[in-house]
Amino acid sequence: MAQQQFNPFNSIVFLTNRVGRLLGNKIAKQSAIKEMGLAPHHLGVLVDLWMKDGVRQQDLAVSIIKDKATIARALRNLEEQNLVVRIPDEQDKRTKRIYLTHKGKLMQGEMLPHAKQVVEEASTEISTEELNTCKRVLEKMYLKLNK
């Protein structure tokens, strides 16, 4: 029996990974964060902090699905840009909590228009109903996998 050839465009893993990376790269390019010395994965850290400030470094690693060393390097870069600070946890001094600086908080307002524009451009031929269905399905998958 002949083995069926793998088509990555039939794989939700391939498609979500590539679409997510392409959107992140395009947002980074349009917003000029590279000129600040930041990479697209730094946006993942910032987005998490915009949603909830003061999270533990290890929780960021789990949330954006990066190893601890990658998160440590990302946080070092973000600190150098004065976007975040690491502060020892009051209950456990071995643990660091990550907080946005004033500049880091302001960056959200600078990034959102770029993100919205990129998503609008990428979805010009997709109906609102299709986008809403896609978001609902991905949210369900995310919540199930993130338990």
N, C-alpha and C. Protein backbone atom coordinates (compact mmCIF):
# COMPACT_ATOMS: atom_id res chain seq x y z
N MET A 1 0.84 -1.19 0.00
CA MET A 1 0.00 0.00 0.00
C MET A 1 0.88 1.25 0.00
N ALA A 2 0.60 2.17 -0.88
CA ALA A 2 1.40 3.39 -1.01
C ALA A 2 1.15 4.33 0.15
N GLN A 3 2.23 4.93 0.64
CA GLN A 3 2.11 5.87 1.74
C GLN A 3 1.59 7.21 1.19
N GLN A 4 0.60 7.78 1.88
CA GLN A 4 0.02 9.04 1.44
C GLN A 4 0.99 10.18 1.77
N GLN A 5 1.17 11.10 0.84
CA GLN A 5 2.09 12.21 1.03
C GLN A 5 1.48 13.22 2.00
N PHE A 6 2.30 13.69 2.93
CA PHE A 6 1.86 14.67 3.92
C PHE A 6 1.68 16.03 3.26
N ASN A 7 0.54 16.64 3.49
CA ASN A 7 0.26 17.98 2.99
C ASN A 7 0.14 18.90 4.21
N PRO A 8 1.12 19.76 4.44
CA PRO A 8 1.08 20.61 5.63
C PRO A 8 -0.13 21.55 5.67
N PHE A 9 -0.71 21.84 4.53
CA PHE A 9 -1.87 22.73 4.51
C PHE A 9 -3.15 22.03 4.97
N ASN A 10 -3.05 20.74 5.26
CA ASN A 10 -4.14 20.01 5.89
C ASN A 10 -3.90 19.84 7.39
N SER A 11 -2.84 20.45 7.90
CA SER A 11 -2.45 20.32 9.30
C SER A 11 -2.70 21.61 10.07
N ILE A 12 -3.54 21.52 11.10
CA ILE A 12 -3.79 22.71 11.92
C ILE A 12 -2.54 23.14 12.66
N VAL A 13 -1.68 22.19 13.00
CA VAL A 13 -0.42 22.51 13.68
C VAL A 13 0.45 23.38 12.78
N PHE A 14 0.63 22.95 11.55
CA PHE A 14 1.44 23.70 10.60
C PHE A 14 0.84 25.09 10.36
N LEU A 15 -0.45 25.12 10.07
CA LEU A 15 -1.10 26.38 9.71
C LEU A 15 -1.10 27.40 10.85
N THR A 16 -1.45 26.97 12.06
CA THR A 16 -1.48 27.93 13.17
C THR A 16 -0.08 28.42 13.50
N ASN A 17 0.90 27.51 13.44
CA ASN A 17 2.28 27.91 13.71
C ASN A 17 2.76 28.94 12.69
N ARG A 18 2.57 28.64 11.43
CA ARG A 18 3.09 29.53 10.38
C ARG A 18 2.33 30.85 10.33
N VAL A 19 1.01 30.80 10.47
CA VAL A 19 0.24 32.04 10.44
C VAL A 19 0.63 32.92 11.62
N GLY A 20 0.77 32.31 12.80
CA GLY A 20 1.18 33.08 13.98
C GLY A 20 2.54 33.73 13.80
N ARG A 21 3.48 32.98 13.26
CA ARG A 21 4.83 33.53 13.03
C ARG A 21 4.81 34.64 11.98
N LEU A 22 4.09 34.39 10.89
CA LEU A 22 4.02 35.41 9.83
C LEU A 22 3.37 36.70 10.33
N LEU A 23 2.28 36.56 11.09
CA LEU A 23 1.63 37.76 11.64
C LEU A 23 2.58 38.49 12.58
N GLY A 24 3.25 37.75 13.46
CA GLY A 24 4.19 38.37 14.39
C GLY A 24 5.33 39.08 13.68
N ASN A 25 5.88 38.44 12.66
CA ASN A 25 6.97 39.06 11.90
C ASN A 25 6.51 40.33 11.18
N LYS A 26 5.32 40.28 10.61
CA LYS A 26 4.82 41.44 9.89
C LYS A 26 4.51 42.60 10.85
N ILE A 27 3.95 42.27 12.00
CA ILE A 27 3.70 43.31 13.01
C ILE A 27 5.02 43.93 13.45
N ALA A 28 6.01 43.08 13.69
CA ALA A 28 7.33 43.57 14.10
C ALA A 28 7.93 44.48 13.04
N LYS A 29 7.79 44.07 11.77
CA LYS A 29 8.37 44.86 10.68
C LYS A 29 7.67 46.22 10.57
N GLN A 30 6.36 46.23 10.63
CA GLN A 30 5.61 47.49 10.49
C GLN A 30 5.82 48.42 11.68
N SER A 31 6.02 47.84 12.86
CA SER A 31 6.15 48.68 14.06
C SER A 31 7.58 49.11 14.32
N ALA A 32 8.51 48.58 13.56
CA ALA A 32 9.93 48.94 13.68
C ALA A 32 10.52 48.56 15.04
N ILE A 33 10.03 47.47 15.65
CA ILE A 33 10.62 47.05 16.93
C ILE A 33 12.04 46.52 16.74
N LYS A 34 12.37 46.08 15.53
CA LYS A 34 13.72 45.58 15.29
C LYS A 34 14.75 46.69 15.49
N GLU A 35 14.37 47.91 15.15
CA GLU A 35 15.27 49.04 15.35
C GLU A 35 15.52 49.28 16.84
N MET A 36 14.61 48.80 17.68
CA MET A 36 14.77 48.93 19.14
C MET A 36 15.60 47.77 19.69
N GLY A 37 15.98 46.84 18.83
CA GLY A 37 16.74 45.68 19.29
C GLY A 37 15.85 44.56 19.80
N LEU A 38 14.57 44.56 19.42
CA LEU A 38 13.63 43.55 19.87
C LEU A 38 13.23 42.63 18.72
N ALA A 39 12.83 41.42 19.07
CA ALA A 39 12.38 40.43 18.10
C ALA A 39 10.89 40.15 18.30
N PRO A 40 10.24 39.50 17.33
CA PRO A 40 8.80 39.21 17.47
C PRO A 40 8.44 38.47 18.76
N HIS A 41 9.30 37.56 19.24
CA HIS A 41 8.94 36.84 20.46
C HIS A 41 8.93 37.75 21.69
N HIS A 42 9.58 38.90 21.62
CA HIS A 42 9.49 39.85 22.71
C HIS A 42 8.07 40.39 22.85
N LEU A 43 7.36 40.46 21.72
CA LEU A 43 5.98 40.92 21.76
C LEU A 43 5.11 39.97 22.57
N GLY A 44 5.41 38.67 22.50
CA GLY A 44 4.66 37.70 23.29
C GLY A 44 4.78 37.98 24.78
N VAL A 45 5.98 38.32 25.22
CA VAL A 45 6.19 38.66 26.62
C VAL A 45 5.41 39.92 26.97
N LEU A 46 5.52 40.93 26.12
CA LEU A 46 4.81 42.19 26.40
C LEU A 46 3.30 41.99 26.42
N VAL A 47 2.77 41.22 25.48
CA VAL A 47 1.32 40.98 25.44
C VAL A 47 0.86 40.33 26.75
N ASP A 48 1.60 39.34 27.22
CA ASP A 48 1.23 38.70 28.49
C ASP A 48 1.23 39.71 29.63
N LEU A 49 2.22 40.59 29.66
CA LEU A 49 2.29 41.59 30.72
C LEU A 49 1.22 42.67 30.57
N TRP A 50 0.84 42.98 29.34
CA TRP A 50 -0.26 43.94 29.15
C TRP A 50 -1.56 43.35 29.69
N MET A 51 -1.71 42.03 29.60
CA MET A 51 -2.91 41.38 30.12
C MET A 51 -2.86 41.25 31.64
N LYS A 52 -1.68 40.94 32.17
CA LYS A 52 -1.52 40.78 33.62
C LYS A 52 -0.09 41.12 34.00
N ASP A 53 0.08 42.24 34.64
CA ASP A 53 1.40 42.71 35.05
C ASP A 53 1.82 42.01 36.34
N GLY A 54 3.12 41.86 36.52
CA GLY A 54 3.63 41.30 37.76
C GLY A 54 3.62 39.78 37.82
N VAL A 55 3.76 39.12 36.68
CA VAL A 55 3.75 37.66 36.66
C VAL A 55 5.16 37.13 36.93
N ARG A 56 5.20 35.87 37.34
CA ARG A 56 6.49 35.24 37.60
C ARG A 56 7.18 34.91 36.28
N GLN A 57 8.49 34.95 36.30
CA GLN A 57 9.29 34.67 35.11
C GLN A 57 8.96 33.28 34.55
N GLN A 58 8.83 32.29 35.42
CA GLN A 58 8.53 30.93 34.95
C GLN A 58 7.13 30.83 34.35
N ASP A 59 6.19 31.65 34.81
CA ASP A 59 4.84 31.65 34.23
C ASP A 59 4.85 32.22 32.82
N LEU A 60 5.72 33.20 32.58
CA LEU A 60 5.88 33.73 31.22
C LEU A 60 6.41 32.64 30.29
N ALA A 61 7.37 31.88 30.77
CA ALA A 61 7.95 30.80 29.95
C ALA A 61 6.87 29.80 29.55
N VAL A 62 6.02 29.44 30.49
CA VAL A 62 4.95 28.49 30.20
C VAL A 62 3.93 29.11 29.24
N SER A 63 3.55 30.35 29.50
CA SER A 63 2.52 31.00 28.70
C SER A 63 2.91 31.19 27.24
N ILE A 64 4.14 31.64 27.00
CA ILE A 64 4.51 31.88 25.60
C ILE A 64 5.29 30.71 25.01
N ILE A 65 5.34 29.62 25.76
CA ILE A 65 5.88 28.34 25.29
C ILE A 65 7.33 28.51 24.82
N LYS A 66 8.14 29.06 25.70
CA LYS A 66 9.57 29.20 25.47
C LYS A 66 10.30 28.64 26.68
N ASP A 67 11.53 28.18 26.48
CA ASP A 67 12.28 27.65 27.62
C ASP A 67 12.77 28.80 28.50
N LYS A 68 13.18 28.45 29.71
CA LYS A 68 13.58 29.46 30.70
C LYS A 68 14.74 30.32 30.23
N ALA A 69 15.70 29.72 29.53
CA ALA A 69 16.85 30.48 29.04
C ALA A 69 16.42 31.53 28.01
N THR A 70 15.51 31.15 27.12
CA THR A 70 15.01 32.10 26.12
C THR A 70 14.27 33.25 26.79
N ILE A 71 13.47 32.94 27.79
CA ILE A 71 12.74 33.99 28.52
C ILE A 71 13.72 34.90 29.25
N ALA A 72 14.74 34.32 29.86
CA ALA A 72 15.74 35.13 30.57
C ALA A 72 16.42 36.11 29.62
N ARG A 73 16.79 35.63 28.43
CA ARG A 73 17.42 36.52 27.43
C ARG A 73 16.43 37.60 26.97
N ALA A 74 15.19 37.20 26.72
CA ALA A 74 14.18 38.16 26.28
C ALA A 74 13.97 39.23 27.33
N LEU A 75 13.89 38.83 28.59
CA LEU A 75 13.69 39.80 29.67
C LEU A 75 14.89 40.72 29.81
N ARG A 76 16.08 40.19 29.62
CA ARG A 76 17.29 41.03 29.66
C ARG A 76 17.21 42.10 28.58
N ASN A 77 16.81 41.71 27.37
CA ASN A 77 16.66 42.68 26.27
C ASN A 77 15.59 43.71 26.60
N LEU A 78 14.47 43.25 27.13
CA LEU A 78 13.38 44.17 27.47
C LEU A 78 13.78 45.12 28.60
N GLU A 79 14.59 44.63 29.53
CA GLU A 79 15.10 45.50 30.59
C GLU A 79 16.05 46.55 30.02
N GLU A 80 16.91 46.14 29.09
CA GLU A 80 17.85 47.07 28.47
C GLU A 80 17.12 48.18 27.74
N GLN A 81 15.93 47.86 27.23
CA GLN A 81 15.12 48.87 26.52
C GLN A 81 14.21 49.64 27.49
N ASN A 82 14.35 49.36 28.78
CA ASN A 82 13.56 50.01 29.82
C ASN A 82 12.05 49.76 29.64
N LEU A 83 11.70 48.53 29.23
CA LEU A 83 10.30 48.16 29.04
C LEU A 83 9.76 47.33 30.20
N VAL A 84 10.64 46.61 30.89
CA VAL A 84 10.24 45.80 32.04
C VAL A 84 11.28 45.89 33.14
N VAL A 85 10.86 45.52 34.35
CA VAL A 85 11.77 45.36 35.48
C VAL A 85 11.46 44.03 36.15
N ARG A 86 12.51 43.40 36.69
CA ARG A 86 12.35 42.16 37.45
C ARG A 86 12.53 42.50 38.93
N ILE A 87 11.53 42.14 39.70
CA ILE A 87 11.54 42.46 41.14
C ILE A 87 11.35 41.17 41.93
N PRO A 88 12.19 40.93 42.95
CA PRO A 88 12.00 39.72 43.76
C PRO A 88 10.61 39.68 44.39
N ASP A 89 10.01 38.48 44.40
CA ASP A 89 8.70 38.26 44.99
C ASP A 89 8.80 38.46 46.50
N GLU A 90 7.81 39.09 47.11
CA GLU A 90 7.86 39.36 48.55
C GLU A 90 7.79 38.08 49.37
N GLN A 91 7.04 37.06 48.89
CA GLN A 91 6.92 35.79 49.63
C GLN A 91 8.09 34.85 49.37
N ASP A 92 8.66 34.91 48.18
CA ASP A 92 9.74 33.98 47.81
C ASP A 92 10.81 34.78 47.06
N LYS A 93 11.86 35.16 47.76
CA LYS A 93 12.91 36.02 47.18
C LYS A 93 13.66 35.37 46.03
N ARG A 94 13.55 34.03 45.89
CA ARG A 94 14.21 33.34 44.76
C ARG A 94 13.44 33.57 43.47
N THR A 95 12.17 33.93 43.60
CA THR A 95 11.30 34.12 42.44
C THR A 95 11.27 35.59 42.05
N LYS A 96 11.32 35.84 40.74
CA LYS A 96 11.22 37.22 40.23
C LYS A 96 9.84 37.44 39.62
N ARG A 97 9.30 38.59 39.88
CA ARG A 97 8.06 39.02 39.24
C ARG A 97 8.43 40.07 38.20
N ILE A 98 7.76 40.01 37.07
CA ILE A 98 8.08 40.91 35.96
C ILE A 98 6.99 41.97 35.86
N TYR A 99 7.43 43.22 35.84
CA TYR A 99 6.51 44.35 35.76
C TYR A 99 6.88 45.23 34.58
N LEU A 100 5.87 45.79 33.97
CA LEU A 100 6.08 46.76 32.90
C LEU A 100 6.54 48.09 33.49
N THR A 101 7.43 48.76 32.80
CA THR A 101 7.76 50.13 33.16
C THR A 101 6.70 51.03 32.52
N HIS A 102 6.78 52.30 32.80
CA HIS A 102 5.86 53.25 32.15
C HIS A 102 6.01 53.17 30.63
N LYS A 103 7.25 53.09 30.17
CA LYS A 103 7.52 52.97 28.73
C LYS A 103 6.92 51.69 28.17
N GLY A 104 7.02 50.60 28.92
CA GLY A 104 6.45 49.33 28.49
C GLY A 104 4.93 49.39 28.37
N LYS A 105 4.30 50.09 29.31
CA LYS A 105 2.84 50.25 29.25
C LYS A 105 2.43 51.11 28.05
N LEU A 106 3.19 52.16 27.79
CA LEU A 106 2.88 53.04 26.66
C LEU A 106 3.04 52.32 25.32
N MET A 107 3.93 51.34 25.28
CA MET A 107 4.19 50.64 24.03
C MET A 107 2.96 49.90 23.52
N GLN A 108 2.06 49.52 24.42
CA GLN A 108 0.83 48.83 24.00
C GLN A 108 0.05 49.72 23.02
N GLY A 109 -0.07 50.98 23.33
CA GLY A 109 -0.79 51.90 22.46
C GLY A 109 -0.11 52.09 21.11
N GLU A 110 1.21 51.93 21.10
CA GLU A 110 1.96 52.05 19.85
C GLU A 110 1.82 50.79 19.01
N MET A 111 1.72 49.62 19.65
CA MET A 111 1.70 48.35 18.94
C MET A 111 0.32 47.97 18.40
N LEU A 112 -0.74 48.28 19.15
CA LEU A 112 -2.07 47.83 18.75
C LEU A 112 -2.49 48.28 17.36
N PRO A 113 -2.26 49.52 16.97
CA PRO A 113 -2.64 49.90 15.60
C PRO A 113 -1.93 49.07 14.53
N HIS A 114 -0.66 48.75 14.74
CA HIS A 114 0.08 47.92 13.79
C HIS A 114 -0.51 46.52 13.73
N ALA A 115 -0.80 45.96 14.89
CA ALA A 115 -1.37 44.61 14.95
C ALA A 115 -2.73 44.58 14.25
N LYS A 116 -3.57 45.56 14.53
CA LYS A 116 -4.89 45.60 13.89
C LYS A 116 -4.77 45.73 12.38
N GLN A 117 -3.86 46.56 11.92
CA GLN A 117 -3.67 46.76 10.48
C GLN A 117 -3.20 45.47 9.80
N VAL A 118 -2.26 44.78 10.42
CA VAL A 118 -1.74 43.54 9.85
C VAL A 118 -2.84 42.49 9.77
N VAL A 119 -3.63 42.35 10.82
CA VAL A 119 -4.72 41.37 10.82
C VAL A 119 -5.78 41.75 9.78
N GLU A 120 -6.08 43.02 9.67
CA GLU A 120 -7.05 43.46 8.66
C GLU A 120 -6.56 43.14 7.25
N GLU A 121 -5.28 43.40 6.99
CA GLU A 121 -4.71 43.11 5.67
C GLU A 121 -4.74 41.60 5.38
N ALA A 122 -4.41 40.81 6.40
CA ALA A 122 -4.35 39.36 6.21
C ALA A 122 -5.73 38.73 6.04
N SER A 123 -6.76 39.42 6.50
CA SER A 123 -8.10 38.83 6.47
C SER A 123 -9.07 39.56 5.54
N THR A 124 -8.54 40.28 4.56
CA THR A 124 -9.41 41.06 3.68
C THR A 124 -10.42 40.23 2.91
N GLU A 125 -10.10 39.00 2.57
CA GLU A 125 -11.02 38.17 1.79
C GLU A 125 -11.70 37.11 2.65
N ILE A 126 -11.73 37.34 3.95
CA ILE A 126 -12.34 36.40 4.89
C ILE A 126 -13.52 37.10 5.55
N SER A 127 -14.66 36.44 5.58
CA SER A 127 -15.86 37.05 6.16
C SER A 127 -15.73 37.15 7.68
N THR A 128 -16.48 38.06 8.25
CA THR A 128 -16.51 38.22 9.70
C THR A 128 -16.96 36.92 10.36
N GLU A 129 -17.92 36.25 9.77
CA GLU A 129 -18.41 34.98 10.31
C GLU A 129 -17.29 33.93 10.33
N GLU A 130 -16.53 33.84 9.23
CA GLU A 130 -15.43 32.87 9.18
C GLU A 130 -14.37 33.19 10.24
N LEU A 131 -14.03 34.48 10.37
CA LEU A 131 -13.03 34.87 11.38
C LEU A 131 -13.52 34.55 12.79
N ASN A 132 -14.78 34.85 13.06
CA ASN A 132 -15.32 34.57 14.39
C ASN A 132 -15.32 33.07 14.69
N THR A 133 -15.67 32.26 13.69
CA THR A 133 -15.64 30.80 13.87
C THR A 133 -14.21 30.34 14.14
N CYS A 134 -13.27 30.84 13.38
CA CYS A 134 -11.87 30.47 13.56
C CYS A 134 -11.40 30.84 14.97
N LYS A 135 -11.71 32.03 15.43
CA LYS A 135 -11.30 32.46 16.77
C LYS A 135 -11.93 31.60 17.86
N ARG A 136 -13.21 31.27 17.70
CA ARG A 136 -13.89 30.42 18.69
C ARG A 136 -13.24 29.04 18.77
N VAL A 137 -12.96 28.46 17.62
CA VAL A 137 -12.35 27.13 17.58
C VAL A 137 -10.95 27.17 18.19
N LEU A 138 -10.15 28.15 17.82
CA LEU A 138 -8.80 28.25 18.36
C LEU A 138 -8.82 28.53 19.87
N GLU A 139 -9.76 29.34 20.31
CA GLU A 139 -9.87 29.60 21.75
C GLU A 139 -10.21 28.32 22.50
N LYS A 140 -11.14 27.53 21.98
CA LYS A 140 -11.49 26.26 22.62
C LYS A 140 -10.28 25.33 22.69
N MET A 141 -9.55 25.25 21.60
CA MET A 141 -8.36 24.41 21.57
C MET A 141 -7.31 24.91 22.57
N TYR A 142 -7.12 26.22 22.59
CA TYR A 142 -6.16 26.82 23.51
C TYR A 142 -6.52 26.50 24.96
N LEU A 143 -7.77 26.72 25.32
CA LEU A 143 -8.20 26.48 26.70
C LEU A 143 -8.07 25.00 27.07
N LYS A 144 -8.39 24.12 26.14
CA LYS A 144 -8.26 22.68 26.41
C LYS A 144 -6.80 22.28 26.61
N LEU A 145 -5.93 22.77 25.75
CA LEU A 145 -4.51 22.42 25.83
C LEU A 145 -3.82 23.10 27.01
N ASN A 146 -4.34 24.22 27.46
CA ASN A 146 -3.70 25.02 28.50
C ASN A 146 -4.17 24.64 29.90
N LYS A 147 -4.97 23.57 30.03
CA LYS A 147 -5.45 23.14 31.36
C LYS A 147 -4.31 22.64 32.21
